[in-house]
């Protein structure tokens, strides 16, 4: 009969972790992304970050804007910036 209380405790602990996670959206200004191939490269780099749910790229003359929706328990802005930078496109959080 001790299994039931342990299962209940496990369920409570798991639900607490799930409740702590939230979807976040960040907008990145991505430097040097000025050609028609840049947007897809940036999108692919961001999409490969664990926890990223959606990426939308808007290409502009001087840079691109990336709107990224992600699970904040698995990713953060630093990981997203690292992904674009490693792909050759430094970025920063747009204010």
N, C-alpha and C. Protein backbone atom coordinates (compact mmCIF):
# COMPACT_ATOMS: atom_id res chain seq x y z
N UNK A 1 0.80 -1.20 0.00
CA UNK A 1 0.00 0.00 0.00
C UNK A 1 0.85 1.27 0.00
N UNK A 2 2.14 1.14 0.13
CA UNK A 2 3.03 2.30 0.13
C UNK A 2 3.26 2.83 -1.28
N UNK A 3 2.92 2.06 -2.29
CA UNK A 3 3.15 2.47 -3.68
C UNK A 3 2.26 3.66 -4.04
N UNK A 4 1.03 3.66 -3.60
CA UNK A 4 0.11 4.75 -3.93
C UNK A 4 0.60 6.10 -3.44
N UNK A 5 1.03 6.26 -2.18
CA UNK A 5 1.55 7.56 -1.76
C UNK A 5 2.80 7.99 -2.53
N UNK A 6 3.67 7.05 -2.89
CA UNK A 6 4.85 7.39 -3.67
C UNK A 6 4.47 7.85 -5.08
N UNK A 7 3.49 7.18 -5.66
CA UNK A 7 3.03 7.58 -6.99
C UNK A 7 2.40 8.98 -6.94
N UNK A 8 1.65 9.26 -5.90
CA UNK A 8 1.04 10.58 -5.74
C UNK A 8 2.11 11.66 -5.58
N UNK A 9 3.14 11.34 -4.79
CA UNK A 9 4.23 12.29 -4.60
C UNK A 9 4.96 12.55 -5.92
N UNK A 10 5.22 11.50 -6.68
CA UNK A 10 5.88 11.65 -7.98
C UNK A 10 5.04 12.50 -8.91
N UNK A 11 3.75 12.30 -8.92
CA UNK A 11 2.86 13.09 -9.78
C UNK A 11 2.88 14.56 -9.39
N UNK A 12 2.91 14.84 -8.10
CA UNK A 12 2.96 16.22 -7.63
C UNK A 12 4.27 16.88 -8.04
N UNK A 13 5.38 16.17 -7.88
CA UNK A 13 6.68 16.73 -8.25
C UNK A 13 6.78 16.97 -9.75
N UNK A 14 6.29 16.04 -10.55
CA UNK A 14 6.32 16.22 -12.00
C UNK A 14 5.44 17.38 -12.44
N UNK A 15 4.27 17.52 -11.85
CA UNK A 15 3.39 18.62 -12.23
C UNK A 15 3.96 19.96 -11.80
N UNK A 16 4.73 20.01 -10.73
CA UNK A 16 5.36 21.26 -10.31
C UNK A 16 6.40 21.70 -11.32
N UNK A 17 7.15 20.76 -11.88
CA UNK A 17 8.14 21.10 -12.91
C UNK A 17 7.47 21.57 -14.19
N UNK A 18 6.40 20.94 -14.55
CA UNK A 18 5.68 21.34 -15.76
C UNK A 18 5.09 22.73 -15.58
N UNK A 19 4.56 23.02 -14.40
CA UNK A 19 3.96 24.33 -14.15
C UNK A 19 5.01 25.44 -14.17
N UNK A 20 6.24 25.13 -13.82
CA UNK A 20 7.30 26.14 -13.79
C UNK A 20 7.73 26.55 -15.20
N UNK A 21 7.59 25.66 -16.16
CA UNK A 21 7.99 25.97 -17.54
C UNK A 21 6.93 26.86 -18.18
N UNK A 22 7.39 27.77 -19.03
CA UNK A 22 6.46 28.66 -19.72
C UNK A 22 6.98 28.96 -21.11
N UNK A 23 6.06 29.26 -22.00
CA UNK A 23 6.45 29.70 -23.33
C UNK A 23 6.83 31.16 -23.26
N UNK A 24 7.91 31.50 -23.90
CA UNK A 24 8.39 32.88 -23.98
C UNK A 24 8.62 33.21 -25.45
N UNK A 25 8.62 34.49 -25.74
CA UNK A 25 8.94 34.97 -27.07
C UNK A 25 10.00 36.04 -26.94
N UNK A 26 11.01 35.96 -27.79
CA UNK A 26 12.06 36.96 -27.82
C UNK A 26 12.23 37.40 -29.27
N UNK A 27 12.56 38.66 -29.44
CA UNK A 27 12.82 39.21 -30.77
C UNK A 27 14.30 39.53 -30.83
N UNK A 28 14.97 38.95 -31.83
CA UNK A 28 16.40 39.16 -32.02
C UNK A 28 16.66 40.01 -33.26
N UNK A 29 17.59 40.94 -33.15
CA UNK A 29 18.09 41.68 -34.29
C UNK A 29 19.33 40.93 -34.75
N UNK A 30 19.28 40.37 -35.96
CA UNK A 30 20.34 39.50 -36.45
C UNK A 30 21.17 40.26 -37.48
N UNK A 31 22.42 40.56 -37.12
CA UNK A 31 23.31 41.34 -37.99
C UNK A 31 23.78 40.51 -39.18
N UNK A 32 24.08 41.20 -40.26
CA UNK A 32 24.67 40.62 -41.47
C UNK A 32 23.75 39.68 -42.24
N UNK A 33 22.52 39.54 -41.86
CA UNK A 33 21.59 38.64 -42.54
C UNK A 33 20.87 39.43 -43.63
N UNK A 34 21.58 39.70 -44.73
CA UNK A 34 21.05 40.60 -45.74
C UNK A 34 20.75 39.92 -47.08
N UNK A 35 21.14 38.67 -47.27
CA UNK A 35 20.87 38.02 -48.56
C UNK A 35 19.65 37.10 -48.42
N UNK A 36 19.18 36.59 -49.53
CA UNK A 36 17.98 35.75 -49.47
C UNK A 36 18.25 34.37 -48.86
N UNK A 37 19.50 33.96 -48.77
CA UNK A 37 19.84 32.70 -48.12
C UNK A 37 20.05 32.85 -46.62
N UNK A 38 20.28 34.06 -46.17
CA UNK A 38 20.57 34.30 -44.75
C UNK A 38 19.40 33.93 -43.84
N UNK A 39 18.21 34.35 -44.21
CA UNK A 39 17.02 34.07 -43.39
C UNK A 39 16.83 32.58 -43.12
N UNK A 40 16.87 31.74 -44.16
CA UNK A 40 16.73 30.30 -43.91
C UNK A 40 17.85 29.71 -43.06
N UNK A 41 19.07 30.22 -43.21
CA UNK A 41 20.19 29.73 -42.39
C UNK A 41 19.95 30.08 -40.93
N UNK A 42 19.55 31.32 -40.67
CA UNK A 42 19.28 31.77 -39.30
C UNK A 42 18.11 30.97 -38.71
N UNK A 43 17.07 30.79 -39.49
CA UNK A 43 15.90 30.03 -39.02
C UNK A 43 16.28 28.60 -38.66
N UNK A 44 17.09 27.96 -39.49
CA UNK A 44 17.52 26.59 -39.23
C UNK A 44 18.36 26.53 -37.95
N UNK A 45 19.28 27.49 -37.79
CA UNK A 45 20.13 27.50 -36.59
C UNK A 45 19.29 27.66 -35.32
N UNK A 46 18.32 28.56 -35.36
CA UNK A 46 17.47 28.77 -34.19
C UNK A 46 16.55 27.58 -33.93
N UNK A 47 16.04 26.98 -34.98
CA UNK A 47 15.13 25.84 -34.84
C UNK A 47 15.82 24.63 -34.22
N UNK A 48 17.12 24.54 -34.35
CA UNK A 48 17.87 23.41 -33.80
C UNK A 48 18.16 23.55 -32.30
N UNK A 49 17.89 24.69 -31.73
CA UNK A 49 18.09 24.88 -30.29
C UNK A 49 16.98 24.11 -29.55
N UNK A 50 17.35 23.20 -28.65
CA UNK A 50 16.33 22.47 -27.91
C UNK A 50 15.39 23.42 -27.16
N UNK A 51 14.10 23.19 -27.30
CA UNK A 51 13.10 24.03 -26.64
C UNK A 51 12.47 25.07 -27.54
N UNK A 52 13.06 25.31 -28.72
CA UNK A 52 12.48 26.29 -29.64
C UNK A 52 11.22 25.70 -30.27
N UNK A 53 10.14 26.46 -30.23
CA UNK A 53 8.85 26.00 -30.73
C UNK A 53 8.52 26.57 -32.10
N UNK A 54 8.95 27.81 -32.34
CA UNK A 54 8.61 28.47 -33.61
C UNK A 54 9.59 29.60 -33.88
N UNK A 55 9.93 29.79 -35.15
CA UNK A 55 10.82 30.88 -35.55
C UNK A 55 10.21 31.57 -36.76
N UNK A 56 10.12 32.89 -36.68
CA UNK A 56 9.66 33.70 -37.81
C UNK A 56 10.76 34.71 -38.13
N UNK A 57 11.15 34.77 -39.39
CA UNK A 57 12.21 35.67 -39.83
C UNK A 57 11.63 36.75 -40.72
N UNK A 58 11.99 38.00 -40.44
CA UNK A 58 11.65 39.13 -41.30
C UNK A 58 12.96 39.71 -41.80
N UNK A 59 13.17 39.65 -43.11
CA UNK A 59 14.40 40.15 -43.69
C UNK A 59 14.27 41.65 -43.96
N UNK A 60 15.35 42.37 -43.66
CA UNK A 60 15.39 43.82 -43.86
C UNK A 60 16.68 44.15 -44.61
N UNK A 61 16.91 45.43 -44.90
CA UNK A 61 18.10 45.84 -45.66
C UNK A 61 19.40 45.61 -44.91
N UNK A 62 19.47 45.97 -43.65
CA UNK A 62 20.70 45.92 -42.88
C UNK A 62 20.83 44.68 -42.00
N UNK A 63 19.72 44.04 -41.68
CA UNK A 63 19.73 42.91 -40.76
C UNK A 63 18.43 42.14 -40.94
N UNK A 64 18.24 41.13 -40.13
CA UNK A 64 16.98 40.40 -40.11
C UNK A 64 16.45 40.46 -38.68
N UNK A 65 15.15 40.31 -38.56
CA UNK A 65 14.51 40.24 -37.26
C UNK A 65 13.98 38.82 -37.11
N UNK A 66 14.36 38.18 -36.01
CA UNK A 66 13.89 36.82 -35.72
C UNK A 66 13.00 36.86 -34.49
N UNK A 67 11.78 36.41 -34.66
CA UNK A 67 10.85 36.29 -33.55
C UNK A 67 10.81 34.81 -33.18
N UNK A 68 11.26 34.50 -31.97
CA UNK A 68 11.44 33.12 -31.56
C UNK A 68 10.56 32.82 -30.35
N UNK A 69 9.74 31.78 -30.48
CA UNK A 69 8.91 31.30 -29.37
C UNK A 69 9.57 30.03 -28.84
N UNK A 70 9.78 29.96 -27.53
CA UNK A 70 10.51 28.84 -26.96
C UNK A 70 10.02 28.49 -25.56
N UNK A 71 10.36 27.30 -25.13
CA UNK A 71 10.07 26.81 -23.78
C UNK A 71 11.21 27.28 -22.89
N UNK A 72 10.90 28.14 -21.93
CA UNK A 72 11.98 28.74 -21.13
C UNK A 72 12.62 27.77 -20.14
N UNK A 73 12.10 26.56 -20.02
CA UNK A 73 12.77 25.57 -19.18
C UNK A 73 13.85 24.83 -19.96
N UNK A 74 13.86 25.00 -21.28
CA UNK A 74 14.83 24.30 -22.12
C UNK A 74 15.74 25.23 -22.90
N UNK A 75 15.37 26.48 -23.06
CA UNK A 75 16.17 27.43 -23.84
C UNK A 75 16.10 28.80 -23.19
N UNK A 76 17.02 29.67 -23.58
CA UNK A 76 16.99 31.05 -23.13
C UNK A 76 17.59 31.94 -24.22
N UNK A 77 17.54 33.24 -24.02
CA UNK A 77 18.03 34.18 -25.02
C UNK A 77 19.51 33.96 -25.32
N UNK A 78 20.30 33.62 -24.32
CA UNK A 78 21.73 33.39 -24.53
C UNK A 78 21.96 32.22 -25.50
N UNK A 79 21.18 31.16 -25.37
CA UNK A 79 21.31 30.02 -26.27
C UNK A 79 20.91 30.39 -27.70
N UNK A 80 19.90 31.23 -27.82
CA UNK A 80 19.46 31.67 -29.15
C UNK A 80 20.52 32.56 -29.80
N UNK A 81 21.08 33.47 -29.03
CA UNK A 81 22.13 34.35 -29.54
C UNK A 81 23.35 33.53 -29.95
N UNK A 82 23.70 32.54 -29.14
CA UNK A 82 24.83 31.67 -29.47
C UNK A 82 24.58 30.92 -30.77
N UNK A 83 23.36 30.47 -30.98
CA UNK A 83 23.02 29.72 -32.20
C UNK A 83 23.20 30.58 -33.45
N UNK A 84 22.71 31.82 -33.41
CA UNK A 84 22.86 32.68 -34.59
C UNK A 84 24.32 33.07 -34.79
N UNK A 85 25.02 33.35 -33.71
CA UNK A 85 26.43 33.73 -33.79
C UNK A 85 27.26 32.59 -34.35
N UNK A 86 27.01 31.37 -33.90
CA UNK A 86 27.74 30.21 -34.41
C UNK A 86 27.45 29.94 -35.88
N UNK A 87 26.30 30.38 -36.36
CA UNK A 87 25.95 30.24 -37.77
C UNK A 87 26.53 31.39 -38.61
N UNK A 88 27.21 32.34 -37.95
CA UNK A 88 27.83 33.45 -38.67
C UNK A 88 27.04 34.74 -38.66
N UNK A 89 25.99 34.78 -37.85
CA UNK A 89 25.12 35.95 -37.80
C UNK A 89 24.93 36.39 -36.35
N UNK A 90 25.80 37.27 -35.85
CA UNK A 90 25.64 37.75 -34.47
C UNK A 90 24.27 38.41 -34.29
N UNK A 91 23.72 38.22 -33.10
CA UNK A 91 22.41 38.83 -32.84
C UNK A 91 22.40 39.42 -31.44
N UNK A 92 21.35 40.19 -31.20
CA UNK A 92 21.13 40.77 -29.89
C UNK A 92 19.62 40.85 -29.68
N UNK A 93 19.23 40.87 -28.43
CA UNK A 93 17.81 40.98 -28.11
C UNK A 93 17.33 42.38 -28.46
N UNK A 94 16.26 42.45 -29.20
CA UNK A 94 15.65 43.72 -29.60
C UNK A 94 14.83 44.23 -28.43
N UNK A 95 14.98 45.48 -28.09
CA UNK A 95 14.23 46.06 -26.96
C UNK A 95 12.91 46.61 -27.41
